[in-house]
Amino acid sequence: MAIKGWIEVDELHCKGCGLCVAACPQNVMSLDMERLTPKGYHPVHLHADGCTGCGICAIVCPDAALTVFREAKIKA
C-alpha cells in the first residue's frame, strides 16, 4: 500500500512563488489559476493523487505557508 500524504496551504502566507511546485518529486502540485488568495496570489494546491507527504515542499517554502500530513501506516 502506498503512503498517502496531503498538504494544507495557509493562503494568508502563500505568494504563489512556485518553489514548492518545482521541488515536488511526485509532480502533483500546481498553482490554482482559478483562485486568488486574500493578497491576490494564485495559491498552490494538489492537482493529482500521489502525494507521499515527503515534506520537501514545506522545506523549500520561503514563507512557511505549507503544512504536510502523512497517513500513518496501520500495523496489523
PDB file of N, CA and C in Angstrom:
ATOM      1  N   MET A   1       0.839  -1.176   0.000  1.00  0.00           N
ATOM      2  CA  MET A   1       0.000   0.000   0.000  1.00  0.00           C
ATOM      3  C   MET A   1       0.886   1.241   0.000  1.00  0.00           C
ATOM      4  N   ALA A   2       0.625   2.155  -0.906  1.00  0.00           N
ATOM      5  CA  ALA A   2       1.400   3.384  -0.994  1.00  0.00           C
ATOM      6  C   ALA A   2       1.050   4.326   0.153  1.00  0.00           C
ATOM      7  N   ILE A   3       2.033   5.074   0.586  1.00  0.00           N
ATOM      8  CA  ILE A   3       1.810   6.053   1.636  1.00  0.00           C
ATOM      9  C   ILE A   3       1.075   7.249   1.045  1.00  0.00           C
ATOM     10  N   LYS A   4       0.046   7.711   1.749  1.00  0.00           N
ATOM     11  CA  LYS A   4      -0.736   8.843   1.266  1.00  0.00           C
ATOM     12  C   LYS A   4      -0.393  10.079   2.080  1.00  0.00           C
ATOM     13  N   GLY A   5      -0.174  11.162   1.376  1.00  0.00           N
ATOM     14  CA  GLY A   5       0.098  12.426   2.033  1.00  0.00           C
ATOM     15  C   GLY A   5      -0.800  13.504   1.475  1.00  0.00           C
ATOM     16  N   TRP A   6      -0.836  14.639   2.138  1.00  0.00           N
ATOM     17  CA  TRP A   6      -1.594  15.787   1.646  1.00  0.00           C
ATOM     18  C   TRP A   6      -1.023  17.048   2.279  1.00  0.00           C
ATOM     19  N   ILE A   7      -1.409  18.171   1.714  1.00  0.00           N
ATOM     20  CA  ILE A   7      -0.922  19.451   2.224  1.00  0.00           C
ATOM     21  C   ILE A   7      -2.086  20.345   2.606  1.00  0.00           C
ATOM     22  N   GLU A   8      -1.812  21.254   3.517  1.00  0.00           N
ATOM     23  CA  GLU A   8      -2.722  22.354   3.809  1.00  0.00           C
ATOM     24  C   GLU A   8      -1.946  23.628   3.528  1.00  0.00           C
ATOM     25  N   VAL A   9      -2.593  24.559   2.843  1.00  0.00           N
ATOM     26  CA  VAL A   9      -1.950  25.800   2.441  1.00  0.00           C
ATOM     27  C   VAL A   9      -2.515  26.952   3.253  1.00  0.00           C
ATOM     28  N   ASP A  10      -1.642  27.705   3.878  1.00  0.00           N
ATOM     29  CA  ASP A  10      -2.045  28.929   4.580  1.00  0.00           C
ATOM     30  C   ASP A  10      -2.087  30.030   3.527  1.00  0.00           C
ATOM     31  N   GLU A  11      -3.274  30.334   3.048  1.00  0.00           N
ATOM     32  CA  GLU A  11      -3.414  31.272   1.941  1.00  0.00           C
ATOM     33  C   GLU A  11      -3.078  32.708   2.321  1.00  0.00           C
ATOM     34  N   LEU A  12      -2.963  33.002   3.601  1.00  0.00           N
ATOM     35  CA  LEU A  12      -2.528  34.340   4.004  1.00  0.00           C
ATOM     36  C   LEU A  12      -1.026  34.523   3.791  1.00  0.00           C
ATOM     37  N   HIS A  13      -0.297  33.397   3.710  1.00  0.00           N
ATOM     38  CA  HIS A  13       1.150  33.466   3.533  1.00  0.00           C
ATOM     39  C   HIS A  13       1.627  33.017   2.157  1.00  0.00           C
ATOM     40  N   CYS A  14       0.861  32.200   1.459  1.00  0.00           N
ATOM     41  CA  CYS A  14       1.278  31.704   0.141  1.00  0.00           C
ATOM     42  C   CYS A  14       1.271  32.851  -0.864  1.00  0.00           C
ATOM     43  N   LYS A  15       2.417  33.065  -1.513  1.00  0.00           N
ATOM     44  CA  LYS A  15       2.509  34.137  -2.501  1.00  0.00           C
ATOM     45  C   LYS A  15       2.626  33.592  -3.918  1.00  0.00           C
ATOM     46  N   GLY A  16       2.360  32.305  -4.089  1.00  0.00           N
ATOM     47  CA  GLY A  16       2.343  31.719  -5.424  1.00  0.00           C
ATOM     48  C   GLY A  16       3.680  31.733  -6.122  1.00  0.00           C
ATOM     49  N   CYS A  17       4.772  31.590  -5.393  1.00  0.00           N
ATOM     50  CA  CYS A  17       6.107  31.674  -5.992  1.00  0.00           C
ATOM     51  C   CYS A  17       6.439  30.450  -6.840  1.00  0.00           C
ATOM     52  N   GLY A  18       5.820  29.304  -6.532  1.00  0.00           N
ATOM     53  CA  GLY A  18       6.040  28.097  -7.320  1.00  0.00           C
ATOM     54  C   GLY A  18       7.259  27.279  -6.935  1.00  0.00           C
ATOM     55  N   LEU A  19       7.995  27.679  -5.906  1.00  0.00           N
ATOM     56  CA  LEU A  19       9.163  26.898  -5.493  1.00  0.00           C
ATOM     57  C   LEU A  19       8.766  25.488  -5.063  1.00  0.00           C
ATOM     58  N   CYS A  20       7.662  25.368  -4.379  1.00  0.00           N
ATOM     59  CA  CYS A  20       7.198  24.050  -3.937  1.00  0.00           C
ATOM     60  C   CYS A  20       6.785  23.185  -5.123  1.00  0.00           C
ATOM     61  N   VAL A  21       6.169  23.802  -6.121  1.00  0.00           N
ATOM     62  CA  VAL A  21       5.747  23.080  -7.320  1.00  0.00           C
ATOM     63  C   VAL A  21       6.972  22.495  -8.019  1.00  0.00           C
ATOM     64  N   ALA A  22       8.020  23.299  -8.146  1.00  0.00           N
ATOM     65  CA  ALA A  22       9.244  22.855  -8.808  1.00  0.00           C
ATOM     66  C   ALA A  22       9.970  21.777  -8.011  1.00  0.00           C
ATOM     67  N   ALA A  23       9.847  21.802  -6.690  1.00  0.00           N
ATOM     68  CA  ALA A  23      10.571  20.864  -5.840  1.00  0.00           C
ATOM     69  C   ALA A  23       9.849  19.537  -5.635  1.00  0.00           C
ATOM     70  N   CYS A  24       8.574  19.456  -5.959  1.00  0.00           N
ATOM     71  CA  CYS A  24       7.790  18.249  -5.695  1.00  0.00           C
ATOM     72  C   CYS A  24       8.277  17.074  -6.551  1.00  0.00           C
ATOM     73  N   PRO A  25       8.803  16.022  -5.916  1.00  0.00           N
ATOM     74  CA  PRO A  25       9.305  14.884  -6.689  1.00  0.00           C
ATOM     75  C   PRO A  25       8.187  14.056  -7.332  1.00  0.00           C
ATOM     76  N   GLN A  26       6.972  14.190  -6.851  1.00  0.00           N
ATOM     77  CA  GLN A  26       5.845  13.431  -7.396  1.00  0.00           C
ATOM     78  C   GLN A  26       5.107  14.189  -8.498  1.00  0.00           C
ATOM     79  N   ASN A  27       5.429  15.470  -8.672  1.00  0.00           N
ATOM     80  CA  ASN A  27       4.776  16.327  -9.675  1.00  0.00           C
ATOM     81  C   ASN A  27       3.257  16.344  -9.540  1.00  0.00           C
ATOM     82  N   VAL A  28       2.791  16.527  -8.308  1.00  0.00           N
ATOM     83  CA  VAL A  28       1.345  16.541  -8.055  1.00  0.00           C
ATOM     84  C   VAL A  28       0.850  17.907  -7.580  1.00  0.00           C
ATOM     85  N   MET A  29       1.722  18.902  -7.590  1.00  0.00           N
ATOM     86  CA  MET A  29       1.354  20.236  -7.134  1.00  0.00           C
ATOM     87  C   MET A  29       1.345  21.203  -8.311  1.00  0.00           C
ATOM     88  N   SER A  30       0.477  22.206  -8.220  1.00  0.00           N
ATOM     89  CA  SER A  30       0.457  23.277  -9.213  1.00  0.00           C
ATOM     90  C   SER A  30      -0.186  24.497  -8.580  1.00  0.00           C
ATOM     91  N   LEU A  31      -0.059  25.619  -9.256  1.00  0.00           N
ATOM     92  CA  LEU A  31      -0.735  26.823  -8.804  1.00  0.00           C
ATOM     93  C   LEU A  31      -2.171  26.767  -9.294  1.00  0.00           C
ATOM     94  N   ASP A  32      -3.101  27.126  -8.429  1.00  0.00           N
ATOM     95  CA  ASP A  32      -4.524  27.115  -8.775  1.00  0.00           C
ATOM     96  C   ASP A  32      -4.858  28.429  -9.476  1.00  0.00           C
ATOM     97  N   MET A  33      -4.886  28.395 -10.792  1.00  0.00           N
ATOM     98  CA  MET A  33      -5.084  29.605 -11.587  1.00  0.00           C
ATOM     99  C   MET A  33      -6.531  30.097 -11.575  1.00  0.00           C
ATOM    100  N   GLU A  34      -7.417  29.362 -10.926  1.00  0.00           N
ATOM    101  CA  GLU A  34      -8.824  29.766 -10.855  1.00  0.00           C
ATOM    102  C   GLU A  34      -9.167  30.442  -9.533  1.00  0.00           C
ATOM    103  N   ARG A  35      -8.217  30.509  -8.613  1.00  0.00           N
ATOM    104  CA  ARG A  35      -8.464  31.114  -7.304  1.00  0.00           C
ATOM    105  C   ARG A  35      -7.384  32.133  -6.986  1.00  0.00           C
ATOM    106  N   LEU A  36      -7.712  33.049  -6.104  1.00  0.00           N
ATOM    107  CA  LEU A  36      -6.762  34.032  -5.605  1.00  0.00           C
ATOM    108  C   LEU A  36      -6.789  34.030  -4.080  1.00  0.00           C
ATOM    109  N   THR A  37      -5.631  34.264  -3.482  1.00  0.00           N
ATOM    110  CA  THR A  37      -5.557  34.410  -2.030  1.00  0.00           C
ATOM    111  C   THR A  37      -6.042  35.811  -1.669  1.00  0.00           C
ATOM    112  N   PRO A  38      -6.249  36.090  -0.392  1.00  0.00           N
ATOM    113  CA  PRO A  38      -6.652  37.448   0.004  1.00  0.00           C
ATOM    114  C   PRO A  38      -5.663  38.537  -0.447  1.00  0.00           C
ATOM    115  N   LYS A  39      -4.408  38.153  -0.679  1.00  0.00           N
ATOM    116  CA  LYS A  39      -3.406  39.118  -1.127  1.00  0.00           C
ATOM    117  C   LYS A  39      -3.299  39.175  -2.647  1.00  0.00           C
ATOM    118  N   GLY A  40      -4.088  38.366  -3.362  1.00  0.00           N
ATOM    119  CA  GLY A  40      -4.122  38.426  -4.812  1.00  0.00           C
ATOM    120  C   GLY A  40      -3.199  37.478  -5.547  1.00  0.00           C
ATOM    121  N   TYR A  41      -2.695  36.452  -4.867  1.00  0.00           N
ATOM    122  CA  TYR A  41      -1.818  35.467  -5.496  1.00  0.00           C
ATOM    123  C   TYR A  41      -2.587  34.188  -5.809  1.00  0.00           C
ATOM    124  N   HIS A  42      -2.104  33.430  -6.772  1.00  0.00           N
ATOM    125  CA  HIS A  42      -2.665  32.112  -7.058  1.00  0.00           C
ATOM    126  C   HIS A  42      -2.022  31.115  -6.097  1.00  0.00           C
ATOM    127  N   PRO A  43      -2.804  30.468  -5.242  1.00  0.00           N
ATOM    128  CA  PRO A  43      -2.229  29.554  -4.254  1.00  0.00           C
ATOM    129  C   PRO A  43      -1.877  28.196  -4.866  1.00  0.00           C
ATOM    130  N   VAL A  44      -1.013  27.501  -4.195  1.00  0.00           N
ATOM    131  CA  VAL A  44      -0.645  26.152  -4.614  1.00  0.00           C
ATOM    132  C   VAL A  44      -1.732  25.172  -4.165  1.00  0.00           C
ATOM    133  N   HIS A  45      -1.857  24.064  -4.870  1.00  0.00           N
ATOM    134  CA  HIS A  45      -2.777  23.005  -4.467  1.00  0.00           C
ATOM    135  C   HIS A  45      -2.304  21.687  -5.071  1.00  0.00           C
ATOM    136  N   LEU A  46      -2.854  20.597  -4.584  1.00  0.00           N
ATOM    137  CA  LEU A  46      -2.566  19.281  -5.166  1.00  0.00           C
ATOM    138  C   LEU A  46      -3.522  19.088  -6.335  1.00  0.00           C
ATOM    139  N   HIS A  47      -2.996  18.870  -7.519  1.00  0.00           N
ATOM    140  CA  HIS A  47      -3.851  18.684  -8.687  1.00  0.00           C
ATOM    141  C   HIS A  47      -4.016  17.215  -9.057  1.00  0.00           C
ATOM    142  N   ALA A  48      -3.336  16.325  -8.357  1.00  0.00           N
ATOM    143  CA  ALA A  48      -3.425  14.895  -8.664  1.00  0.00           C
ATOM    144  C   ALA A  48      -3.136  14.093  -7.403  1.00  0.00           C
ATOM    145  N   ASP A  49      -3.554  12.836  -7.419  1.00  0.00           N
ATOM    146  CA  ASP A  49      -3.204  11.915  -6.341  1.00  0.00           C
ATOM    147  C   ASP A  49      -1.734  11.545  -6.486  1.00  0.00           C
ATOM    148  N   GLY A  50      -1.141  11.111  -5.416  1.00  0.00           N
ATOM    149  CA  GLY A  50       0.240  10.660  -5.477  1.00  0.00           C
ATOM    150  C   GLY A  50       1.158  11.321  -4.474  1.00  0.00           C
ATOM    151  N   CYS A  51       0.641  12.286  -3.717  1.00  0.00           N
ATOM    152  CA  CYS A  51       1.455  12.921  -2.684  1.00  0.00           C
ATOM    153  C   CYS A  51       1.826  11.871  -1.645  1.00  0.00           C
ATOM    154  N   THR A  52       3.123  11.824  -1.297  1.00  0.00           N
ATOM    155  CA  THR A  52       3.586  10.865  -0.298  1.00  0.00           C
ATOM    156  C   THR A  52       3.844  11.523   1.058  1.00  0.00           C
ATOM    157  N   GLY A  53       3.670  12.828   1.127  1.00  0.00           N
ATOM    158  CA  GLY A  53       3.914  13.535   2.379  1.00  0.00           C
ATOM    159  C   GLY A  53       5.392  13.656   2.705  1.00  0.00           C
ATOM    160  N   CYS A  54       6.236  13.722   1.678  1.00  0.00           N
ATOM    161  CA  CYS A  54       7.688  13.771   1.891  1.00  0.00           C
ATOM    162  C   CYS A  54       8.134  15.043   2.602  1.00  0.00           C
ATOM    163  N   GLY A  55       7.401  16.145   2.419  1.00  0.00           N
ATOM    164  CA  GLY A  55       7.701  17.388   3.115  1.00  0.00           C
ATOM    165  C   GLY A  55       8.679  18.310   2.411  1.00  0.00           C
ATOM    166  N   ILE A  56       9.172  17.932   1.241  1.00  0.00           N
ATOM    167  CA  ILE A  56      10.119  18.789   0.526  1.00  0.00           C
ATOM    168  C   ILE A  56       9.496  20.143   0.211  1.00  0.00           C
ATOM    169  N   CYS A  57       8.229  20.155  -0.162  1.00  0.00           N
ATOM    170  CA  CYS A  57       7.559  21.415  -0.492  1.00  0.00           C
ATOM    171  C   CYS A  57       7.573  22.375   0.690  1.00  0.00           C
ATOM    172  N   ALA A  58       7.318  21.864   1.881  1.00  0.00           N
ATOM    173  CA  ALA A  58       7.295  22.708   3.070  1.00  0.00           C
ATOM    174  C   ALA A  58       8.691  23.220   3.413  1.00  0.00           C
ATOM    175  N   ILE A  59       9.707  22.419   3.140  1.00  0.00           N
ATOM    176  CA  ILE A  59      11.083  22.821   3.432  1.00  0.00           C
ATOM    177  C   ILE A  59      11.517  23.974   2.540  1.00  0.00           C
ATOM    178  N   VAL A  60      11.145  23.937   1.257  1.00  0.00           N
ATOM    179  CA  VAL A  60      11.591  24.985   0.330  1.00  0.00           C
ATOM    180  C   VAL A  60      10.705  26.226   0.354  1.00  0.00           C
ATOM    181  N   CYS A  61       9.556  26.159   1.001  1.00  0.00           N
ATOM    182  CA  CYS A  61       8.647  27.308   1.035  1.00  0.00           C
ATOM    183  C   CYS A  61       9.260  28.439   1.865  1.00  0.00           C
ATOM    184  N   PRO A  62       9.535  29.589   1.230  1.00  0.00           N
ATOM    185  CA  PRO A  62      10.176  30.680   1.973  1.00  0.00           C
ATOM    186  C   PRO A  62       9.260  31.357   2.983  1.00  0.00           C
ATOM    187  N   ASP A  63       7.964  31.122   2.890  1.00  0.00           N
ATOM    188  CA  ASP A  63       7.018  31.775   3.789  1.00  0.00           C
ATOM    189  C   ASP A  63       6.345  30.825   4.771  1.00  0.00           C
ATOM    190  N   ALA A  64       6.792  29.585   4.831  1.00  0.00           N
ATOM    191  CA  ALA A  64       6.230  28.573   5.729  1.00  0.00           C
ATOM    192  C   ALA A  64       4.713  28.492   5.590  1.00  0.00           C
ATOM    193  N   ALA A  65       4.247  28.505   4.352  1.00  0.00           N
ATOM    194  CA  ALA A  65       2.810  28.507   4.078  1.00  0.00           C
ATOM    195  C   ALA A  65       2.222  27.109   3.952  1.00  0.00           C
ATOM    196  N   LEU A  66       3.058  26.081   3.989  1.00  0.00           N
ATOM    197  CA  LEU A  66       2.564  24.716   3.799  1.00  0.00           C
ATOM    198  C   LEU A  66       2.726  23.878   5.051  1.00  0.00           C
ATOM    199  N   THR A  67       1.705  23.085   5.332  1.00  0.00           N
ATOM    200  CA  THR A  67       1.774  22.060   6.356  1.00  0.00           C
ATOM    201  C   THR A  67       1.540  20.729   5.647  1.00  0.00           C
ATOM    202  N   VAL A  68       2.434  19.784   5.879  1.00  0.00           N
ATOM    203  CA  VAL A  68       2.355  18.493   5.197  1.00  0.00           C
ATOM    204  C   VAL A  68       1.906  17.426   6.185  1.00  0.00           C
ATOM    205  N   PHE A  69       1.000  16.590   5.733  1.00  0.00           N
ATOM    206  CA  PHE A  69       0.496  15.482   6.544  1.00  0.00           C
ATOM    207  C   PHE A  69       0.795  14.179   5.841  1.00  0.00           C
ATOM    208  N   ARG A  70       1.006  13.156   6.620  1.00  0.00           N
ATOM    209  CA  ARG A  70       1.310  11.836   6.080  1.00  0.00           C
ATOM    210  C   ARG A  70       0.474  10.814   6.830  1.00  0.00           C
ATOM    211  N   GLU A  71      -0.244   9.997   6.064  1.00  0.00           N
ATOM    212  CA  GLU A  71      -1.096   8.980   6.665  1.00  0.00           C
ATOM    213  C   GLU A  71      -0.222   7.938   7.351  1.00  0.00           C
ATOM    214  N   ALA A  72      -0.549   7.637   8.585  1.00  0.00           N
ATOM    215  CA  ALA A  72       0.219   6.653   9.348  1.00  0.00           C
ATOM    216  C   ALA A  72      -0.093   5.246   8.872  1.00  0.00           C
ATOM    217  N   LYS A  73       0.934   4.418   8.824  1.00  0.00           N
ATOM    218  CA  LYS A  73       0.736   3.017   8.481  1.00  0.00           C
ATOM    219  C   LYS A  73       0.094   2.304   9.672  1.00  0.00           C
ATOM    220  N   ILE A  74      -0.895   1.493   9.397  1.00  0.00           N
ATOM    221  CA  ILE A  74      -1.561   0.743  10.449  1.00  0.00           C
ATOM    222  C   ILE A  74      -0.943  -0.645  10.505  1.00  0.00           C
ATOM    223  N   LYS A  75      -0.427  -1.004  11.654  1.00  0.00           N
ATOM    224  CA  LYS A  75       0.185  -2.320  11.816  1.00  0.00           C
ATOM    225  C   LYS A  75      -0.903  -3.333  12.104  1.00  0.00           C
ATOM    226  N   ALA A  76      -0.813  -4.445  11.441  1.00  0.00           N
ATOM    227  CA  ALA A  76      -1.826  -5.496  11.610  1.00  0.00           C
ATOM    228  C   ALA A  76      -1.613  -6.270  12.881  1.00  0.00           C
TER     229      ALA A  76
END
